[in-house]
Amino acid sequence: MKACSNDQLKFRRSHRLFWIGCLIYVLSAGNLFAQNETVAVQDEMATDEVEIKPVKNTFESIWLIDAQTVMVPVKGTFEADFQHRFGTWENGYEDFYGVFASSNIRLGLDYVPVDRLLVGLGFTKFNNLVDFYGKYAIVRQMKGGGSPISISYYINAAVDTREEEDTNFEEGSDRWSFFHQVMVASKITDNFSLQVSGNLAWFNFKEHQYDAEGIDLGQDKNGQVSISALARYKVSNTIGVIVEYDYPITDQEFFDPEPNLSIGLEFVTSAHAFQVFVGNFQSLVPQYNHTYNANNFGDNQILIGFNITRLWNF
């Protein structure tokens, strides 16, 4: 059983205030953007008719570090994703700051069959995971009027395909886990975009916990609620600074995941996005990151990672 110190309680309260502030900022900044657009529209209506259209490139990719963004490419887009996470650099030169430590790799394929809907699948090295996912752009931020924010919904279902003797699963359904995410984002200026999201990770099976005498103490809750924030600031047409922060909410009985902080750079062309960063998420599949992350940024359990995406339009 875990016990929370006064410092931990103060830390959690401060994080709640931080997330409330992020949400208020996105909504208020979006409303201010909409008000400014309305004034501009009113000024221009005296002379020309203004076209209302979606804001372009709130983010440059469907990925920002370890998180999905609100972006859904245009209909007919095919995308290939390559994601790599080195080991943590806490051992220093011994394993060359994680480069020669155990790494994780994910290969993903995405397609947009109809407007606003993305579907895909991925293959991950850890636990031989195969994940299937979809994302739908519910609301799009508009220029010239309309919504000041974008809202998208993302769902992921992953199956652990390891051999039976390598797992403790009791039934076939125990291999499955799920992730639900509602994202709210705004392109606040031409150079700055911000996104916040509420997340739910769900595992059909959690490992049993035992004491020193082998008595079964039970299991953690199947669900894990968390919140996330993403930001991107463009320093040029092709380079941006990117940041991700993820904070767990659910108080588990045996194991609470560590928050994630990642900072990096993004380089883009019309068909490619390359992101390189440091952070402490390594699992690559979101429900595993948000439920089982044991790397603590403050304890130097930090790793180098990169994402590469390639787009084709048919």
Protein backbone atom coordinates (compact mmCIF):
# COMPACT_ATOMS: atom_id res chain seq x y z
CA MET A 1 0.00 0.00 0.00
CA LYS A 2 1.28 3.46 -0.87
CA ALA A 3 1.23 6.50 1.37
CA CYS A 4 1.40 10.08 0.07
CA SER A 5 3.57 12.64 1.84
CA ASN A 6 2.58 16.28 2.24
CA ASP A 7 5.11 17.18 -0.47
CA GLN A 8 3.49 14.72 -2.88
CA LEU A 9 0.04 16.13 -2.15
CA LYS A 10 1.30 19.69 -2.75
CA PHE A 11 2.96 18.51 -5.98
CA ARG A 12 -0.31 17.01 -7.23
CA ARG A 13 -2.30 20.14 -6.33
CA SER A 14 0.18 22.31 -8.23
CA HIS A 15 -0.13 20.03 -11.27
CA ARG A 16 -3.93 20.29 -11.18
CA LEU A 17 -3.62 24.09 -11.23
CA PHE A 18 -1.15 23.85 -14.13
CA TRP A 19 -3.55 21.76 -16.22
CA ILE A 20 -6.55 23.96 -15.42
CA GLY A 21 -4.43 26.93 -16.52
CA CYS A 22 -3.48 25.18 -19.80
CA LEU A 23 -7.12 24.45 -20.63
CA ILE A 24 -8.23 27.99 -19.82
CA TYR A 25 -5.40 29.35 -21.94
CA VAL A 26 -6.33 27.26 -24.98
CA LEU A 27 -9.98 28.21 -24.76
CA SER A 28 -9.43 31.88 -23.96
CA ALA A 29 -6.69 32.26 -26.56
CA GLY A 30 -8.94 30.61 -29.10
CA ASN A 31 -11.78 32.97 -28.23
CA LEU A 32 -9.47 35.98 -28.49
CA PHE A 33 -8.31 34.69 -31.88
CA ALA A 34 -11.94 34.35 -32.94
CA GLN A 35 -12.74 37.88 -31.75
CA ASN A 36 -9.80 39.29 -33.69
CA GLU A 37 -10.91 37.35 -36.76
CA THR A 38 -14.46 38.70 -36.34
CA VAL A 39 -13.20 42.28 -36.22
CA ALA A 40 -11.07 41.65 -39.31
CA VAL A 41 -14.02 40.07 -41.09
CA GLN A 42 -16.26 43.01 -40.26
CA ASP A 43 -13.62 45.39 -41.63
CA GLU A 44 -13.22 43.40 -44.83
CA MET A 45 -16.93 42.80 -45.42
CA ALA A 46 -17.29 46.45 -46.31
CA THR A 47 -15.28 45.79 -49.46
CA ASP A 48 -14.96 42.02 -50.13
CA GLU A 49 -16.68 38.79 -49.18
CA VAL A 50 -14.49 36.77 -46.77
CA GLU A 51 -14.10 33.01 -47.25
CA ILE A 52 -14.37 30.87 -44.11
CA LYS A 53 -11.92 27.98 -44.32
CA PRO A 54 -9.99 25.61 -41.99
CA VAL A 55 -6.79 26.85 -40.38
CA LYS A 56 -3.81 25.13 -41.98
CA ASN A 57 -1.10 23.19 -40.14
CA THR A 58 -1.98 23.58 -36.50
CA PHE A 59 0.76 20.97 -36.25
CA GLU A 60 3.02 19.65 -39.01
CA SER A 61 2.39 15.95 -38.30
CA ILE A 62 -0.13 13.56 -36.79
CA TRP A 63 2.61 12.90 -34.18
CA LEU A 64 4.29 15.27 -31.80
CA ILE A 65 6.95 13.27 -29.92
CA ASP A 66 4.93 10.46 -28.22
CA ALA A 67 1.46 11.93 -28.65
CA GLN A 68 -1.09 12.21 -31.40
CA THR A 69 -2.12 15.70 -32.53
CA VAL A 70 -5.53 16.89 -33.72
CA MET A 71 -4.28 16.75 -37.31
CA VAL A 72 -5.86 14.44 -39.90
CA PRO A 73 -4.29 14.67 -43.39
CA VAL A 74 -6.41 15.19 -46.49
CA LYS A 75 -8.47 12.36 -47.96
CA GLY A 76 -6.36 9.82 -49.86
CA THR A 77 -3.17 10.40 -47.85
CA PHE A 78 -0.99 7.39 -47.04
CA GLU A 79 1.65 7.78 -44.32
CA ALA A 80 4.53 5.65 -43.08
CA ASP A 81 5.89 6.21 -39.54
CA PHE A 82 9.21 5.13 -38.09
CA GLN A 83 9.69 5.74 -34.36
CA HIS A 84 12.81 4.90 -32.34
CA ARG A 85 13.61 5.25 -28.63
CA PHE A 86 17.10 4.56 -27.30
CA GLY A 87 17.71 3.38 -23.73
CA THR A 88 17.97 5.79 -20.80
CA TRP A 89 21.25 7.64 -20.43
CA GLU A 90 21.60 7.24 -16.64
CA ASN A 91 24.59 4.87 -17.07
CA GLY A 92 26.50 7.54 -18.98
CA TYR A 93 29.41 6.48 -21.14
CA GLU A 94 29.05 2.80 -20.10
CA ASP A 95 26.37 2.29 -22.78
CA PHE A 96 27.12 5.57 -24.58
CA TYR A 97 24.27 7.46 -22.95
CA GLY A 98 21.63 4.92 -23.90
CA VAL A 99 22.55 4.54 -27.57
CA PHE A 100 23.83 0.99 -26.97
CA ALA A 101 21.22 0.15 -24.31
CA SER A 102 18.00 -1.74 -25.01
CA SER A 103 15.94 0.29 -27.48
CA ASN A 104 12.37 0.24 -28.72
CA ILE A 105 11.15 0.59 -32.33
CA ARG A 106 7.73 1.03 -33.89
CA LEU A 107 6.68 0.89 -37.55
CA GLY A 108 3.31 2.39 -38.45
CA LEU A 109 1.12 2.71 -41.54
CA ASP A 110 -1.74 5.22 -41.76
CA TYR A 111 -4.41 6.01 -44.36
CA VAL A 112 -7.18 8.59 -44.69
CA PRO A 113 -10.05 6.83 -46.54
CA VAL A 114 -12.62 9.62 -46.09
CA ASP A 115 -12.47 13.25 -45.07
CA ARG A 116 -11.56 13.77 -41.38
CA LEU A 117 -10.97 10.06 -40.61
CA LEU A 118 -7.54 8.43 -40.20
CA VAL A 119 -7.02 4.69 -39.64
CA GLY A 120 -3.81 2.76 -39.15
CA LEU A 121 -1.83 -0.05 -37.60
CA GLY A 122 1.60 -0.41 -36.06
CA PHE A 123 4.17 -3.01 -34.98
CA THR A 124 6.27 -2.45 -31.84
CA LYS A 125 9.38 -4.28 -30.64
CA PHE A 126 8.52 -4.38 -26.90
CA ASN A 127 6.08 -7.21 -26.14
CA ASN A 128 5.61 -7.79 -29.90
CA LEU A 129 2.67 -5.38 -29.83
CA VAL A 130 0.37 -4.91 -32.79
CA ASP A 131 -1.87 -1.85 -32.49
CA PHE A 132 -4.86 -0.68 -34.51
CA TYR A 133 -6.10 2.87 -34.27
CA GLY A 134 -8.37 5.54 -35.64
CA LYS A 135 -8.72 9.30 -35.31
CA TYR A 136 -11.60 11.56 -36.27
CA ALA A 137 -11.48 15.36 -36.56
CA ILE A 138 -14.74 16.35 -34.87
CA VAL A 139 -14.26 20.13 -35.05
CA ARG A 140 -11.80 22.11 -37.13
CA GLN A 141 -10.47 25.55 -36.23
CA MET A 142 -11.63 27.99 -38.88
CA LYS A 143 -10.16 31.15 -40.34
CA GLY A 144 -12.50 34.00 -41.13
CA GLY A 145 -15.13 32.83 -38.61
CA GLY A 146 -16.41 29.61 -37.09
CA SER A 147 -14.70 27.56 -34.40
CA PRO A 148 -11.60 28.99 -32.66
CA ILE A 149 -10.40 25.49 -31.69
CA SER A 150 -9.95 22.02 -33.17
CA ILE A 151 -11.26 18.88 -31.45
CA SER A 152 -10.28 15.32 -32.41
CA TYR A 153 -10.94 11.89 -30.93
CA TYR A 154 -8.34 9.11 -31.02
CA ILE A 155 -8.70 5.44 -30.12
CA ASN A 156 -6.05 2.72 -30.03
CA ALA A 157 -6.41 -1.05 -29.48
CA ALA A 158 -3.23 -3.10 -28.98
CA VAL A 159 -2.68 -6.83 -28.68
CA ASP A 160 0.33 -8.48 -27.02
CA THR A 161 1.43 -11.24 -29.44
CA ARG A 162 4.18 -12.83 -27.33
CA GLU A 163 4.24 -16.62 -26.92
CA GLU A 164 2.00 -17.94 -24.15
CA GLU A 165 4.92 -19.22 -22.06
CA ASP A 166 6.36 -15.69 -21.92
CA THR A 167 3.23 -14.16 -20.34
CA ASN A 168 0.88 -14.62 -17.38
CA PHE A 169 -2.33 -14.10 -19.33
CA GLU A 170 -5.26 -16.21 -18.21
CA GLU A 171 -7.48 -15.71 -21.28
CA GLY A 172 -7.05 -14.57 -24.86
CA SER A 173 -8.83 -11.28 -24.12
CA ASP A 174 -6.19 -10.50 -21.47
CA ARG A 175 -3.77 -9.66 -24.27
CA TRP A 176 -5.77 -6.57 -25.28
CA SER A 177 -5.37 -3.00 -24.09
CA PHE A 178 -7.02 0.25 -25.21
CA PHE A 179 -6.47 3.99 -25.26
CA HIS A 180 -9.03 6.79 -25.67
CA GLN A 181 -8.08 10.43 -26.11
CA VAL A 182 -10.00 13.67 -26.68
CA MET A 183 -7.75 16.47 -27.97
CA VAL A 184 -8.45 20.21 -27.98
CA ALA A 185 -6.00 22.44 -29.85
CA SER A 186 -5.62 25.94 -31.19
CA LYS A 187 -3.20 27.59 -33.59
CA ILE A 188 -2.91 30.71 -31.48
CA THR A 189 -0.54 32.59 -33.78
CA ASP A 190 1.12 31.76 -37.10
CA ASN A 191 4.06 30.35 -35.14
CA PHE A 192 2.58 28.97 -31.90
CA SER A 193 0.17 26.04 -31.40
CA LEU A 194 -1.04 24.47 -28.16
CA GLN A 195 -2.98 21.27 -27.45
CA VAL A 196 -4.40 19.73 -24.27
CA SER A 197 -6.09 16.34 -23.98
CA GLY A 198 -7.81 14.00 -21.57
CA ASN A 199 -6.78 10.33 -21.82
CA LEU A 200 -8.04 6.95 -20.64
CA ALA A 201 -5.83 3.84 -20.84
CA TRP A 202 -7.46 0.45 -20.19
CA PHE A 203 -5.87 -2.98 -19.76
CA ASN A 204 -8.03 -6.10 -19.69
CA PHE A 205 -5.38 -7.73 -17.48
CA LYS A 206 -3.11 -6.38 -14.75
CA GLU A 207 -0.42 -8.51 -13.11
CA HIS A 208 -1.20 -9.89 -9.65
CA GLN A 209 0.93 -8.53 -6.81
CA TYR A 210 2.28 -10.86 -4.09
CA ASP A 211 3.93 -10.30 -0.72
CA ALA A 212 7.14 -11.99 0.49
CA GLU A 213 5.16 -15.04 1.58
CA GLY A 214 3.49 -15.45 -1.78
CA ILE A 215 0.07 -14.20 -0.72
CA ASP A 216 -1.89 -12.56 -3.54
CA LEU A 217 -2.43 -8.89 -2.64
CA GLY A 218 -4.57 -8.11 -5.67
CA GLN A 219 -4.15 -6.03 -8.81
CA ASP A 220 -4.04 -2.39 -9.81
CA LYS A 221 -7.11 -0.83 -11.42
CA ASN A 222 -7.65 -1.67 -15.07
CA GLY A 223 -8.09 1.99 -16.04
CA GLN A 224 -5.59 4.84 -15.90
CA VAL A 225 -6.69 8.44 -16.45
CA SER A 226 -4.11 11.04 -17.50
CA ILE A 227 -3.83 14.47 -19.09
CA SER A 228 -1.42 15.76 -21.73
CA ALA A 229 -0.21 19.06 -23.15
CA LEU A 230 1.66 19.68 -26.41
CA ALA A 231 3.20 22.86 -27.77
CA ARG A 232 5.02 23.83 -30.94
CA TYR A 233 6.78 27.08 -31.75
CA LYS A 234 8.04 27.65 -35.30
CA VAL A 235 11.40 29.39 -35.48
CA SER A 236 11.39 29.22 -39.30
CA ASN A 237 9.25 27.73 -42.07
CA THR A 238 10.93 24.33 -41.64
CA ILE A 239 12.12 24.21 -38.00
CA GLY A 240 10.13 24.22 -34.78
CA VAL A 241 10.65 23.71 -31.05
CA ILE A 242 8.34 21.01 -29.65
CA VAL A 243 7.36 20.11 -26.08
CA GLU A 244 5.17 17.37 -24.57
CA TYR A 245 4.08 16.85 -20.97
CA ASP A 246 1.93 13.97 -19.66
CA TYR A 247 0.65 13.63 -16.10
CA PRO A 248 -1.11 10.58 -14.56
CA ILE A 249 -4.29 11.21 -12.54
CA THR A 250 -5.47 7.80 -11.31
CA ASP A 251 -4.08 6.77 -7.91
CA GLN A 252 -3.18 3.10 -8.24
CA GLU A 253 -2.70 0.81 -5.26
CA PHE A 254 0.66 -0.72 -6.21
CA PHE A 255 2.29 1.22 -9.04
CA ASP A 256 1.81 4.82 -10.14
CA PRO A 257 3.38 5.75 -13.50
CA GLU A 258 5.85 8.62 -13.70
CA PRO A 259 4.97 11.84 -15.56
CA ASN A 260 6.64 12.42 -18.91
CA LEU A 261 8.48 15.52 -20.07
CA SER A 262 9.92 15.68 -23.59
CA ILE A 263 11.63 18.54 -25.42
CA GLY A 264 12.99 18.57 -28.96
CA LEU A 265 13.19 19.97 -32.47
CA GLU A 266 11.07 19.32 -35.56
CA PHE A 267 12.28 19.61 -39.16
CA VAL A 268 9.67 19.49 -41.95
CA THR A 269 9.30 19.47 -45.71
CA SER A 270 6.15 19.16 -47.79
CA ALA A 271 6.15 15.35 -47.42
CA HIS A 272 8.43 14.60 -44.45
CA ALA A 273 8.61 15.35 -40.75
CA PHE A 274 11.64 14.55 -38.62
CA GLN A 275 11.54 15.02 -34.85
CA VAL A 276 14.46 14.49 -32.47
CA PHE A 277 14.04 14.95 -28.73
CA VAL A 278 14.83 13.87 -25.19
CA GLY A 279 12.17 12.55 -22.82
CA ASN A 280 11.29 9.64 -20.55
CA PHE A 281 8.52 7.74 -22.37
CA GLN A 282 9.86 4.62 -24.13
CA SER A 283 6.92 2.28 -24.80
CA LEU A 284 5.69 3.95 -28.05
CA VAL A 285 2.13 2.59 -27.67
CA PRO A 286 0.17 5.21 -25.66
CA GLN A 287 -1.65 3.00 -23.15
CA TYR A 288 1.67 1.44 -22.11
CA ASN A 289 3.36 4.82 -21.77
CA HIS A 290 0.56 6.28 -19.66
CA THR A 291 0.19 3.18 -17.45
CA TYR A 292 3.65 1.66 -16.99
CA ASN A 293 6.21 4.46 -17.40
CA ALA A 294 8.84 3.98 -14.68
CA ASN A 295 11.41 6.49 -15.98
CA ASN A 296 11.79 9.59 -13.83
CA PHE A 297 13.08 12.70 -15.57
CA GLY A 298 14.49 14.05 -12.31
CA ASP A 299 16.50 10.84 -11.69
CA ASN A 300 18.27 11.20 -15.05
CA GLN A 301 16.21 8.36 -16.53
CA ILE A 302 16.05 10.24 -19.80
CA LEU A 303 16.36 8.89 -23.33
CA ILE A 304 16.92 10.16 -26.85
CA GLY A 305 14.23 9.47 -29.43
CA PHE A 306 13.25 10.36 -32.95
CA ASN A 307 10.24 10.11 -35.28
CA ILE A 308 10.26 10.07 -39.08
CA THR A 309 7.07 10.33 -41.14
CA ARG A 310 6.58 10.20 -44.90
CA LEU A 311 3.39 11.22 -46.74
CA TRP A 312 2.02 10.17 -50.14
CA ASN A 313 -1.19 11.49 -51.69
CA PHE A 314 -3.23 9.30 -54.03
